[in-house]
Amino acid sequence: MQNLKKRFIARKLVSGSKGIKKLYLTNTGKEEAKKIDWNGDKQIYERLKNMDKKDCDRLCEAMVLIESILRKNDEK
């Protein structure tokens, strides 16, 4: 697992800080993140492509409600 982390994530000391390090994705990490995003999009598409309009609309309304509640909670 440690070698995997080194391939995907790099650390860089923040100049002027006292040991604070910034984490960022390596080029390999960026490519892997793109694959993960694409696979996630594909899974969502596969789940939704045969859904009828009524169910799709209800799902979208529920997602909007969830997002609204989470945003309101973040403001507290």
Protein backbone atom coordinates (compact mmCIF):
# COMPACT_ATOMS: atom_id res chain seq x y z
CA MET A 1 0.00 0.00 0.00
CA GLN A 2 2.84 2.38 0.83
CA ASN A 3 4.39 2.01 -2.65
CA LEU A 4 0.98 2.64 -4.17
CA LYS A 5 0.67 5.90 -2.21
CA LYS A 6 4.10 7.01 -3.40
CA ARG A 7 3.07 6.45 -7.02
CA PHE A 8 -0.14 8.48 -6.70
CA ILE A 9 0.50 11.11 -4.03
CA ALA A 10 3.48 13.38 -3.49
CA ARG A 11 4.27 15.74 -0.64
CA LYS A 12 5.88 19.13 -0.92
CA LEU A 13 7.02 21.31 1.95
CA VAL A 14 5.15 24.61 2.07
CA SER A 15 7.75 27.36 1.91
CA GLY A 16 7.90 29.51 5.01
CA SER A 17 6.04 26.94 7.09
CA LYS A 18 7.29 24.93 10.00
CA GLY A 19 7.05 21.48 8.49
CA ILE A 20 3.65 21.83 6.84
CA LYS A 21 3.45 19.72 3.70
CA LYS A 22 1.05 20.02 0.79
CA LEU A 23 -0.24 16.81 -0.76
CA TYR A 24 -0.84 16.62 -4.48
CA LEU A 25 -1.48 13.97 -7.10
CA THR A 26 1.40 12.79 -9.23
CA ASN A 27 0.82 12.43 -12.97
CA THR A 28 0.11 8.74 -12.36
CA GLY A 29 -2.32 9.73 -9.61
CA LYS A 30 -4.09 12.17 -11.93
CA GLU A 31 -4.50 9.47 -14.57
CA GLU A 32 -5.86 7.03 -12.00
CA ALA A 33 -8.31 9.68 -10.71
CA LYS A 34 -9.55 10.20 -14.29
CA LYS A 35 -10.18 6.45 -14.63
CA ILE A 36 -12.06 6.37 -11.33
CA ASP A 37 -14.21 9.36 -12.38
CA TRP A 38 -14.94 7.82 -15.79
CA ASN A 39 -15.89 4.47 -14.23
CA GLY A 40 -18.17 6.23 -11.75
CA ASP A 41 -19.87 8.16 -14.55
CA LYS A 42 -20.29 4.93 -16.52
CA GLN A 43 -21.87 3.16 -13.53
CA ILE A 44 -24.31 6.03 -13.00
CA TYR A 45 -25.20 6.07 -16.71
CA GLU A 46 -25.83 2.32 -16.70
CA ARG A 47 -28.13 2.63 -13.68
CA LEU A 48 -30.12 5.55 -15.12
CA LYS A 49 -30.31 4.80 -18.84
CA ASN A 50 -33.40 2.59 -18.60
CA MET A 51 -35.19 4.56 -15.90
CA ASP A 52 -38.53 6.00 -16.93
CA LYS A 53 -39.00 9.78 -16.86
CA LYS A 54 -41.22 9.80 -13.78
CA ASP A 55 -38.71 7.89 -11.68
CA CYS A 56 -35.84 9.96 -13.05
CA ASP A 57 -37.65 13.18 -12.13
CA ARG A 58 -38.37 11.89 -8.62
CA LEU A 59 -34.75 10.86 -8.20
CA CYS A 60 -33.52 14.29 -9.32
CA GLU A 61 -35.91 16.03 -6.90
CA ALA A 62 -34.61 13.85 -4.07
CA MET A 63 -31.01 14.66 -5.00
CA VAL A 64 -31.78 18.39 -4.98
CA LEU A 65 -33.39 18.04 -1.55
CA ILE A 66 -30.39 16.14 -0.18
CA GLU A 67 -27.99 18.76 -1.55
CA SER A 68 -30.09 21.56 -0.06
CA ILE A 69 -30.17 19.93 3.38
CA LEU A 70 -26.43 19.30 3.35
CA ARG A 71 -25.67 22.89 2.33
CA LYS A 72 -27.92 24.23 5.09
CA ASN A 73 -26.17 21.96 7.58
CA ASP A 74 -22.74 23.24 6.41
CA GLU A 75 -23.81 26.81 7.19
CA LYS A 76 -24.35 25.99 10.87
